[in-house]
Protein backbone atom coordinates (compact mmCIF):
# COMPACT_ATOMS: atom_id res chain seq x y z
CA MET A 1 88.61 68.64 70.69
CA TYR A 2 91.38 70.93 70.82
CA GLU A 3 93.34 69.00 72.58
CA ASP A 4 93.15 66.12 70.18
CA GLU A 5 93.76 69.19 66.44
CA LEU A 6 96.41 70.93 68.22
CA ASP A 7 99.79 69.28 68.75
CA PHE A 8 101.99 70.73 71.78
CA THR A 9 105.41 69.23 70.60
CA GLU A 10 105.14 71.74 67.74
CA LEU A 11 104.58 74.88 68.55
CA LYS A 12 107.17 77.16 70.59
CA TYR A 13 106.34 77.88 74.57
CA ALA A 14 108.10 81.36 76.53
CA LEU A 15 108.64 80.63 80.05
CA TYR A 16 108.35 82.88 82.05
CA ALA A 17 108.78 82.87 85.27
CA ARG A 18 107.63 86.72 87.90
CA LYS A 19 108.49 86.87 91.63
CA SER A 20 107.05 90.10 93.52
CA THR A 21 108.77 91.92 95.47
CA GLU A 22 105.79 93.11 96.87
CA ASP A 23 104.78 89.93 98.25
CA GLU A 24 104.86 90.12 101.73
CA THR A 25 103.53 87.00 102.55
CA ARG A 26 106.21 85.21 100.89
CA GLN A 27 103.95 82.07 99.76
CA VAL A 28 104.65 83.01 96.19
CA LYS A 29 107.56 80.16 94.62
CA SER A 30 110.56 82.07 93.93
CA ILE A 31 111.50 82.25 90.35
CA GLY A 32 114.76 79.53 90.76
CA ASP A 33 111.42 77.19 92.18
CA GLN A 34 108.90 78.31 89.30
CA ILE A 35 111.92 77.68 86.61
CA ASP A 36 112.32 74.08 87.93
CA GLU A 37 108.87 73.38 88.07
CA CYS A 38 108.51 74.68 84.68
CA VAL A 39 110.95 72.18 82.95
CA LEU A 40 109.77 69.55 84.13
CA LEU A 41 106.24 69.27 83.29
CA ALA A 42 108.08 70.64 80.20
CA ASN A 43 109.83 68.22 80.09
CA ARG A 44 106.86 65.47 80.94
CA LEU A 45 104.56 66.94 78.01
CA GLY A 46 107.41 67.24 75.40
CA LEU A 47 107.53 71.07 74.95
CA ASN A 48 109.65 72.72 73.11
CA VAL A 49 110.22 75.75 75.69
CA VAL A 50 112.68 78.10 74.20
CA LYS A 51 115.56 79.52 75.71
CA PRO A 52 116.36 82.27 77.50
CA TYR A 53 113.89 81.64 80.31
CA LEU A 54 111.67 85.14 80.67
CA GLU A 55 112.58 85.74 84.26
CA GLU A 56 110.83 89.41 85.65
CA ALA A 57 110.93 90.49 89.62
CA LYS A 58 108.03 92.94 88.98
CA SER A 59 104.59 93.73 90.29
CA ALA A 60 102.24 92.19 88.00
CA LYS A 61 99.08 94.43 90.16
CA ARG A 62 99.94 97.47 87.64
CA PRO A 63 99.61 97.35 83.60
CA ASN A 64 102.18 98.15 81.32
CA ASN A 65 104.49 97.80 85.01
CA ARG A 66 106.44 95.18 83.80
CA PRO A 67 108.87 95.17 80.28
CA ILE A 68 110.16 91.95 80.53
CA PHE A 69 106.04 91.12 79.81
CA SER A 70 105.58 92.52 77.10
CA LYS A 71 108.75 91.96 74.59
CA MET A 72 107.29 88.34 75.05
CA LEU A 73 103.61 89.56 73.80
CA GLN A 74 105.33 91.65 71.74
CA ASP A 75 107.18 88.07 70.74
CA LEU A 76 104.16 86.26 70.96
CA LYS A 77 102.73 89.07 67.80
CA SER A 78 105.72 88.27 65.76
CA GLY A 79 105.39 85.10 66.38
CA LYS A 80 108.91 84.14 67.91
CA PHE A 81 106.22 82.53 70.22
CA ASP A 82 103.34 80.29 70.40
CA GLY A 83 102.46 79.82 73.47
CA ILE A 84 103.13 80.53 77.19
CA LEU A 85 104.74 77.80 79.80
CA ALA A 86 104.14 79.57 83.90
CA TRP A 87 103.74 78.06 87.04
CA HIS A 88 100.63 79.97 87.60
CA PRO A 89 98.02 82.43 85.69
CA ASP A 90 98.72 85.41 88.48
CA ARG A 91 102.26 85.09 87.27
CA LEU A 92 101.04 86.38 84.37
CA ALA A 93 98.04 88.90 85.50
CA ARG A 94 97.01 89.78 88.40
CA ASN A 95 94.96 92.75 86.44
CA MET A 96 92.15 93.25 84.16
CA LEU A 97 93.88 95.06 82.04
CA GLU A 98 96.61 93.06 81.05
CA GLY A 99 94.69 89.72 81.70
CA GLY A 100 92.25 90.65 78.94
CA MET A 101 94.69 91.56 76.48
CA LEU A 102 95.93 87.54 76.84
CA ILE A 103 92.27 86.90 76.36
CA ASP A 104 92.05 88.63 73.37
CA MET A 105 94.57 87.33 72.36
CA ILE A 106 93.73 84.22 72.83
CA ASP A 107 90.69 85.29 71.21
CA GLU A 108 92.76 85.90 67.64
CA GLY A 109 94.96 83.31 67.74
CA ILE A 110 97.84 84.77 68.74
CA ILE A 111 98.73 82.63 71.88
CA LYS A 112 97.86 79.19 70.21
CA ASP A 113 98.34 77.69 74.04
CA LEU A 114 98.81 78.01 77.69
CA LYS A 115 100.16 75.62 80.24
CA PHE A 116 100.44 76.37 83.98
CA VAL A 117 101.71 73.67 86.68
CA THR A 118 99.08 74.47 89.11
CA HIS A 119 95.96 74.99 86.02
CA HIS A 120 94.91 73.12 83.61
CA PHE A 121 94.02 75.32 80.45
CA THR A 122 91.66 74.65 77.28
CA LYS A 123 91.11 76.94 74.03
CA ASP A 124 87.17 76.78 74.40
CA ALA A 125 84.65 78.82 76.10
CA ASN A 126 85.12 77.05 79.65
CA GLY A 127 88.97 76.90 79.16
CA LYS A 128 88.65 80.94 78.38
CA MET A 129 85.99 81.55 81.18
CA LEU A 130 87.81 79.35 83.81
CA LEU A 131 91.68 81.41 82.78
CA GLY A 132 89.35 84.83 83.04
CA MET A 133 88.56 83.30 86.60
CA ALA A 134 91.97 82.63 88.04
CA PHE A 135 93.06 86.80 86.70
CA VAL A 136 89.62 88.07 88.82
CA LEU A 137 90.46 86.02 91.59
CA SER A 138 94.47 87.21 91.42
CA LYS A 139 93.42 90.73 91.04
CA GLN A 140 90.73 90.73 94.13
CA TYR A 141 93.26 88.75 96.09
CA SER A 142 95.95 90.74 95.69
CA ASP A 143 93.39 94.01 96.22
CA LYS A 144 92.34 93.23 99.71
CA LEU A 145 95.98 92.72 100.50
CA SER A 146 96.62 96.38 99.31
CA GLN A 147 93.84 97.48 101.67
CA ASP A 148 95.07 95.22 104.24
CA VAL A 149 98.23 96.24 104.61
CA THR A 150 97.51 99.92 103.33
CA ARG A 151 95.03 100.67 107.12
CA GLY A 152 97.80 98.46 108.41
CA VAL A 153 100.66 101.32 107.07
CA ARG A 154 97.67 104.33 108.56
CA SER A 155 97.44 102.78 111.66
CA GLY A 156 100.98 102.26 112.83
CA LEU A 157 101.38 105.73 111.03
CA ALA A 158 99.28 107.30 113.12
CA GLU A 159 101.16 105.85 116.79
CA GLY A 160 104.19 106.49 114.82
CA LYS A 161 105.83 103.85 112.73
CA SER A 162 106.15 103.64 109.29
CA PRO A 163 108.26 101.57 106.29
CA ALA A 164 110.69 104.02 105.14
CA PRO A 165 114.07 104.14 105.72
CA LYS A 166 116.19 107.19 107.08
CA PHE A 167 119.32 108.49 107.27
CA GLY A 168 121.47 107.52 111.24
CA TYR A 169 117.47 105.39 112.50
CA VAL A 170 116.65 102.01 112.37
CA ARG A 171 113.50 100.35 113.30
CA ASP A 172 112.95 98.56 116.28
CA GLU A 173 110.97 95.37 117.37
CA SER A 174 108.24 97.14 117.99
CA GLY A 175 108.01 98.95 114.51
CA LEU A 176 109.36 102.48 115.99
CA TYR A 177 112.72 104.91 114.71
CA ARG A 178 115.29 104.48 116.73
CA PRO A 179 118.41 106.17 116.55
CA ASP A 180 121.08 103.67 114.89
CA ASP A 181 123.82 102.94 116.57
CA ARG A 182 126.92 103.47 114.15
CA ASN A 183 125.46 106.31 111.75
CA HIS A 184 123.21 108.39 114.58
CA GLU A 185 126.43 110.80 115.06
CA LEU A 186 127.33 111.53 112.03
CA ILE A 187 123.75 112.16 110.24
CA CYS A 188 123.18 114.62 113.07
CA ASP A 189 126.48 116.37 112.77
CA ALA A 190 125.22 116.61 109.07
CA TRP A 191 123.21 118.65 110.13
CA SER A 192 125.22 120.42 112.53
CA MET A 193 127.56 121.54 108.78
CA ARG A 194 124.44 122.94 107.00
CA THR A 195 123.41 124.75 109.80
CA LYS A 196 126.93 126.72 109.41
CA GLY A 197 126.95 127.32 106.12
CA ASP A 198 128.97 123.48 104.71
CA SER A 199 128.16 122.98 101.29
CA ILE A 200 126.49 118.89 100.75
CA GLU A 201 130.22 118.00 98.39
CA GLN A 202 131.83 119.26 101.56
CA ILE A 203 129.39 117.27 103.80
CA THR A 204 128.88 113.68 101.70
CA LYS A 205 132.51 113.82 101.65
CA TYR A 206 133.03 114.00 105.17
CA LEU A 207 129.67 111.93 105.57
CA ASN A 208 131.74 108.94 103.60
CA ASP A 209 135.30 109.34 104.47
CA GLN A 210 133.82 108.89 108.23
CA GLY A 211 132.81 105.43 107.45
CA PHE A 212 128.87 106.19 106.12
CA TYR A 213 126.51 103.52 104.97
CA ARG A 214 123.19 102.25 105.27
CA GLU A 215 122.67 98.14 104.26
CA ILE A 216 119.83 96.92 102.47
CA LYS A 217 118.56 93.93 104.38
CA SER A 218 117.01 92.33 101.02
CA SER A 219 120.52 92.37 99.25
CA GLN A 220 122.86 92.80 101.85
CA ARG A 221 124.48 95.87 99.15
CA LYS A 222 126.10 98.90 101.29
CA THR A 223 124.89 102.58 99.67
CA PHE A 224 127.03 105.59 100.96
CA MET A 225 126.23 108.96 100.88
CA THR A 226 125.27 110.55 97.52
CA LYS A 227 125.14 114.69 96.24
CA GLN A 228 121.30 113.95 95.86
CA LYS A 229 120.13 111.63 98.82
CA LEU A 230 122.01 114.84 101.14
CA SER A 231 120.07 117.32 99.41
CA ASP A 232 116.65 115.27 99.44
CA MET A 233 117.77 114.41 103.97
CA PHE A 234 118.25 118.33 104.32
CA LYS A 235 114.47 119.11 103.07
CA ASP A 236 113.07 115.71 105.23
CA SER A 237 110.98 117.33 108.24
CA PHE A 238 110.91 113.96 110.05
CA TYR A 239 114.58 114.95 111.37
CA TYR A 240 113.06 117.59 113.66
CA GLY A 241 109.92 115.10 114.54
CA VAL A 242 107.50 116.00 111.80
CA LEU A 243 106.86 112.80 109.58
CA LEU A 244 104.60 113.02 106.14
CA GLN A 245 103.20 110.45 104.23
CA ALA A 246 100.50 110.55 101.65
CA ASP A 247 97.56 111.43 103.35
CA GLN A 248 98.96 112.23 107.89
CA THR A 249 101.15 114.02 109.16
CA VAL A 250 102.12 112.78 112.37
CA ASP A 251 104.17 115.23 114.77
CA LEU A 252 106.88 112.25 117.04
CA ARG A 253 107.51 114.85 119.44
CA LEU A 254 103.90 114.86 120.46
CA LEU A 255 103.30 111.43 121.07
CA GLY A 256 105.37 110.30 123.65
CA LEU A 257 107.81 108.17 122.42
CA ASP A 258 110.89 109.56 122.87
CA PHE A 259 111.61 110.17 119.23
CA ILE A 260 115.87 111.71 119.42
CA PRO A 261 115.50 113.93 116.61
CA ALA A 262 119.08 114.60 114.85
CA THR A 263 118.08 118.64 114.03
CA SER A 264 116.11 121.09 115.89
CA GLU A 265 112.85 122.53 114.15
CA GLU A 266 114.32 126.34 114.48
CA ASP A 267 117.32 124.23 112.65
CA PHE A 268 115.82 122.71 109.78
CA LEU A 269 113.66 126.18 109.11
CA THR A 270 117.15 127.75 108.84
CA ILE A 271 118.84 125.57 106.39
CA GLN A 272 115.11 125.51 104.09
CA GLN A 273 115.30 130.02 104.88
CA MET A 274 119.14 128.93 103.13
CA SER A 275 118.15 127.32 99.99
CA TYR A 276 115.04 129.93 99.70
CA ARG A 277 117.13 132.64 100.02
CA ARG A 278 119.08 131.58 96.76
CA ILE A 279 116.56 130.76 94.17
CA LYS A 280 114.33 134.24 95.48
CA PRO A 281 113.92 137.56 94.05
CA SER A 282 115.00 140.75 96.67
CA SER A 283 112.28 142.97 94.58
CA PRO A 284 108.39 141.76 92.59
CA HIS A 285 108.20 140.70 89.43
CA ARG A 286 105.84 139.87 87.17
CA ASP A 287 106.43 137.01 84.31
CA ASN A 288 104.75 137.69 81.32
CA PHE A 289 102.97 133.98 80.37
CA TYR A 290 104.31 131.80 77.98
CA PRO A 291 102.64 128.22 77.02
CA PHE A 292 104.65 125.09 77.11
CA ARG A 293 107.39 126.26 79.93
CA LEU A 294 109.24 123.49 81.30
CA MET A 295 107.68 120.91 78.39
CA ILE A 296 110.17 121.64 75.30
CA LEU A 297 113.53 119.79 75.85
CA CYS A 298 116.13 120.38 73.46
CA SER A 299 117.43 116.61 71.88
CA PHE A 300 121.06 117.69 72.10
CA CYS A 301 121.19 117.72 75.94
CA ASN A 302 117.52 117.03 77.50
CA GLN A 303 116.75 119.89 78.90
CA SER A 304 114.16 122.42 79.66
CA MET A 305 114.26 125.53 76.52
CA ARG A 306 112.90 128.60 77.32
CA VAL A 307 110.16 130.45 75.92
CA ALA A 308 110.09 133.26 74.61
CA PRO A 309 109.25 136.38 72.32
CA THR A 310 111.88 137.35 69.38
CA THR A 311 111.62 139.99 66.94
CA SER A 312 112.16 138.99 63.66
CA GLY A 313 112.34 140.95 59.80
CA SER A 314 111.98 144.41 58.66
CA LYS A 315 108.43 144.58 60.63
CA LYS A 316 109.20 143.71 63.29
CA ILE A 317 106.99 140.92 63.95
CA ARG A 318 107.58 138.96 67.72
CA TYR A 319 107.25 135.01 66.92
CA LEU A 320 107.19 132.83 70.30
CA TYR A 321 110.70 130.35 69.77
CA ALA A 322 111.94 128.15 71.98
CA ARG A 323 115.35 128.69 72.72
CA CYS A 324 118.18 126.26 74.67
CA ASP A 325 120.30 128.02 76.95
CA THR A 326 121.94 125.11 78.38
CA GLU A 327 126.58 126.00 79.11
CA GLY A 328 127.77 123.16 76.34
CA CYS A 329 125.32 121.86 74.69
CA GLU A 330 125.81 121.10 71.12
CA ARG A 331 123.27 122.66 68.98
CA LYS A 332 123.98 124.67 66.18
CA LYS A 333 120.28 125.96 65.96
CA LYS A 334 119.68 127.75 69.45
CA SER A 335 116.17 127.89 68.94
CA ILE A 336 112.63 126.29 66.92
CA ARG A 337 109.77 128.51 66.73
CA VAL A 338 106.54 127.26 69.15
CA LYS A 339 104.90 127.25 66.19
CA VAL A 340 106.25 124.05 65.23
CA ILE A 341 105.35 122.29 68.07
CA ILE A 342 101.72 123.68 68.04
CA ASP A 343 100.82 122.21 63.57
CA PHE A 344 102.55 119.26 65.73
CA VAL A 345 99.96 118.91 67.99
CA TYR A 346 97.16 119.98 65.23
CA GLU A 347 98.75 117.22 63.22
CA LEU A 348 98.85 114.47 66.03
CA LEU A 349 95.41 114.45 67.48
CA LYS A 350 93.14 116.25 64.15
CA GLU A 351 91.26 113.01 64.18
CA GLY A 352 90.62 112.81 67.86
CA LEU A 353 92.04 110.59 70.36
CA ASN A 354 88.14 108.49 70.20
CA PHE A 355 88.41 107.13 73.91
CA THR A 356 85.61 105.03 74.39
CA GLU A 357 84.06 104.77 77.37
CA LYS A 358 85.39 101.18 79.01
CA GLU A 359 88.46 103.04 78.55
CA TYR A 360 87.17 106.28 81.02
CA THR A 361 86.47 103.30 83.21
CA GLU A 362 90.48 102.46 82.70
CA TYR A 363 91.32 106.43 83.66
CA LEU A 364 89.37 106.17 86.62
CA GLN A 365 91.10 103.32 87.47
CA GLY A 366 94.28 104.70 86.84
CA MET A 367 93.73 107.91 88.51
CA LYS A 368 93.70 105.91 92.06
CA TYR A 369 97.09 105.30 91.13
CA LEU A 370 98.60 108.60 91.03
CA SER A 371 101.74 108.78 92.71
CA ASP A 372 101.96 108.77 96.87
CA ASP A 373 105.65 110.00 96.47
CA HIS A 374 104.31 113.38 94.74
CA LYS A 375 101.48 114.23 97.31
CA ILE A 376 104.86 113.43 100.40
CA ALA A 377 106.90 115.83 98.23
CA ILE A 378 104.21 118.58 98.33
CA ARG A 379 103.23 118.53 102.47
CA GLY A 380 106.98 118.70 102.81
CA GLU A 381 106.89 122.27 100.93
CA LEU A 382 103.93 123.19 101.90
CA ASN A 383 105.32 121.75 105.84
CA THR A 384 108.43 123.91 105.23
CA LYS A 385 107.45 127.30 103.49
CA ARG A 386 104.13 127.17 106.38
CA GLY A 387 107.51 127.24 108.71
CA ILE A 388 109.44 129.87 107.15
CA LEU A 389 106.97 132.31 106.70
CA LYS A 390 106.02 132.12 110.11
CA ARG A 391 109.34 133.56 110.94
CA LYS A 392 109.31 135.97 108.55
CA GLU A 393 106.22 137.09 109.73
CA HIS A 394 108.17 137.67 113.42
CA GLU A 395 111.26 138.85 112.01
CA LEU A 396 108.74 141.82 109.79
CA SER A 397 106.87 142.14 113.46
CA GLU A 398 110.02 142.73 115.03
CA THR A 399 111.47 144.70 113.04
CA SER A 400 109.37 147.20 112.80
CA ILE A 401 108.81 147.50 116.93
CA ALA A 402 112.40 148.31 116.84
CA ILE A 403 112.82 150.99 114.12
CA LEU A 404 110.65 152.94 115.54
CA LYS A 405 113.04 153.32 118.25
CA LEU A 406 115.67 154.51 116.11
CA ASP A 407 116.57 158.01 114.13
CA PRO A 408 114.51 158.29 110.41
CA LYS A 409 117.61 160.00 109.44
CA GLY A 410 120.51 157.75 110.75
CA VAL A 411 121.50 154.71 108.42
CA ILE A 412 120.89 151.73 110.07
CA TYR A 413 117.22 153.68 109.77
CA GLN A 414 117.21 153.77 106.40
CA GLN A 415 119.26 150.04 106.77
CA ASN A 416 115.75 148.43 108.35
CA GLU A 417 113.49 150.32 106.35
CA LYS A 418 114.36 148.37 103.65
CA HIS A 419 114.93 144.95 105.75
CA ILE A 420 110.92 145.40 106.50
CA VAL A 421 110.30 146.07 102.68
CA ASP A 422 112.07 142.75 101.59
CA LEU A 423 110.54 140.51 104.38
CA ASP A 424 107.07 142.02 103.18
CA ILE A 425 108.05 141.21 99.71
CA GLU A 426 109.25 137.70 100.56
CA CYS A 427 106.07 137.38 102.86
CA LYS A 428 103.66 138.31 100.10
CA THR A 429 105.42 135.76 98.03
CA LEU A 430 105.33 132.33 100.11
CA THR A 431 101.71 132.97 100.86
CA GLY A 432 101.06 132.55 97.00
CA GLU A 433 103.12 129.65 96.89
CA ILE A 434 101.47 127.99 100.16
CA ALA A 435 98.15 129.18 98.11
CA LYS A 436 99.60 127.28 94.88
CA LEU A 437 100.72 124.22 96.70
CA GLU A 438 97.41 123.55 99.17
CA ALA A 439 95.53 123.65 95.34
CA GLU A 440 98.41 121.38 94.45
CA LEU A 441 97.83 119.06 96.92
CA LYS A 442 93.85 119.96 97.14
CA LYS A 443 93.90 118.83 93.19
CA SER A 444 95.99 116.03 93.06
CA GLU A 445 93.73 114.46 95.69
CA GLY A 446 90.49 114.36 94.10
CA GLU A 447 90.45 116.33 90.26
CA ILE A 448 89.33 113.93 88.36
CA MET A 449 87.03 114.24 85.25
CA SER A 450 83.95 113.43 83.96
CA LEU A 451 82.98 111.02 81.47
CA GLU A 452 81.66 114.22 79.79
CA GLN A 453 85.20 116.17 80.32
CA PHE A 454 86.67 112.76 79.19
CA ALA A 455 84.73 111.98 75.67
CA ASN A 456 85.33 115.76 74.70
CA LEU A 457 88.74 115.94 75.46
CA SER A 458 89.39 113.09 73.76
CA LYS A 459 86.74 113.95 70.76
CA ASN A 460 87.94 117.03 70.34
CA ALA A 461 90.95 118.31 71.36
CA VAL A 462 92.08 120.06 68.27
CA THR A 463 88.98 121.98 67.80
CA THR A 464 89.38 122.99 71.24
CA ILE A 465 93.18 124.04 70.79
CA GLN A 466 92.83 126.09 67.43
CA SER A 467 89.63 128.28 69.46
CA ALA A 468 91.64 128.47 72.37
CA ASP A 469 94.30 131.67 73.30
CA ALA A 470 98.11 131.16 74.79
CA VAL A 471 96.24 130.13 77.84
CA GLY A 472 93.94 127.92 77.13
CA LYS A 473 96.07 125.96 74.87
CA ASP A 474 98.69 125.19 77.46
CA MET A 475 96.28 124.01 80.14
CA ILE A 476 94.66 121.55 77.70
CA CYS A 477 98.33 120.19 76.54
CA ARG A 478 99.40 119.90 79.64
CA GLN A 479 96.72 117.87 80.40
CA ILE A 480 97.39 115.82 77.21
CA PHE A 481 101.22 115.73 76.94
CA ALA A 482 104.10 115.54 79.39
CA ASN A 483 106.86 117.44 77.19
CA TRP A 484 108.01 117.45 73.65
CA ILE A 485 111.33 117.27 72.28
CA VAL A 486 112.30 119.01 69.65
CA ASP A 487 115.66 119.05 67.38
CA GLU A 488 116.04 122.06 65.78
CA GLU A 489 113.58 122.56 62.67
CA ASN A 490 111.38 118.82 64.35
CA VAL A 491 109.65 117.16 66.76
CA LEU A 492 111.93 114.03 66.92
CA SER A 493 109.55 112.47 69.73
CA TYR A 494 106.97 113.46 72.64
CA GLN A 495 105.17 111.44 75.89
CA LEU A 496 101.87 111.67 77.16
CA LYS A 497 100.76 111.97 80.23
CA GLU A 498 98.87 109.32 82.30
CA PRO A 499 96.35 107.68 81.87
CA PHE A 500 96.28 108.68 77.89
CA ALA A 501 99.72 107.50 77.53
CA THR A 502 98.18 103.70 78.41
CA LEU A 503 95.55 103.57 76.93
CA LEU A 504 97.10 104.71 74.22
CA LYS A 505 100.19 101.88 73.72
CA GLN A 506 97.05 99.45 75.32
CA ARG A 507 94.82 100.51 71.95
CA GLN A 508 97.94 99.94 69.42
CA PHE A 509 99.34 96.91 70.92
CA LEU A 510 95.73 94.96 70.19
CA PHE A 511 95.01 96.12 67.37
CA SER A 512 98.05 97.69 65.69
CA ARG A 513 96.50 101.18 64.43
CA GLY A 514 94.96 104.82 65.94
CA ILE A 515 97.87 107.44 66.59
CA LYS A 516 101.28 106.98 66.07
CA ASN A 517 103.08 107.06 69.36
CA ARG A 518 107.31 107.92 68.51
CA THR A 519 108.29 107.26 71.84
């Protein structure tokens, strides 16, 4: 029997304790309690537990979310540990990907034993079946909890309730936003100052000089205002009464909640228009298309490099280069040919990604976890640009009517005529940007590759890229890659987009073969 053949006292155990910040029910023991009970078990059984103990405050609901857990598995492969000691199997995995990894490592003899305070494990078929069932039950509990929380959040949002913290506001016993007596007036001052044109730096200094801070309840730690936090706040429509979440938009002003805004919708749009005007051209122009924009990063300054053609040689041949124009960058050779990146992609993908149908299922699962923050950002930008467009269209209409009363030969008429042209350009630009954002939101909410598309991209990526034009090369590479980091001559590293990054990382971990990912 397994229990008789294996001398547990000769094995080296990693003690792993995990407490997720998402454990709302607080039914899971604290890390300290888990360690205490594991140490008692180790002493009783005479186990050799390697110090330091491994502690992690991360959720196990999604794979590849726990660096300490991942490092522990690597140490098991290298022989630093022979087994794992934990309070319960759900401390190790609440998702089937990592649960399957552990069972596979047991089958391969990498994990020689598992010990739990609340669960008895044996390395025979029945023991592995029961362990798998424990992982399945943990996943079911986690999924149900997530569904219940999501349902509650949606229902609460419709009533004007949200868990998202807001500067200058607290949530009362019913979950509704009420002014924070200590900070609300300061936040109102900040909006007023920004409307008058004061800089982010000036307003940040003012708030901190006046004693502004927000206290984190879980740690009692005080956080102060920063330029980045303030900049994000000035883009948030909540402060005039429109609360945005990933899939919902709620106007708090229409719910009869006596919501007290920090600014008006008019002032909010004025501030957005100020920012918009700084980054928009005064005349229309057409950008030439060059692939891989914002995907090529300089290894010296970690900033995006500009992609553009350069004429070279006596025959005046035009080549496409990526150039770093970041001020102060120590890079000596400013440019690198884009062909270097393309050749790197060809070499990397020449044997294909060769994902399986099982990995396609994992891809589908990964797509469900699209960042809600991304959706909220798109909805916020859409809300802002629609408001600015409405204001611009009104201004265009008013100016067009008013100009009819002016002398066509006068200076004021000519100035207004130019203003009408500029307004018309801005309205058309905004309309185009709104359409793009709407398309991006629609894509983020539902565009998933079919099994056939996934298989074709997986097996025929190089052939497809080689036969495509510049637009096609750009499109396919953006499906697979997030970026490349280059020095003066070579691609140093790259980052794949999800779910390919996770799928390849997992495959390499299990089989120690496949594409060599240098990130």
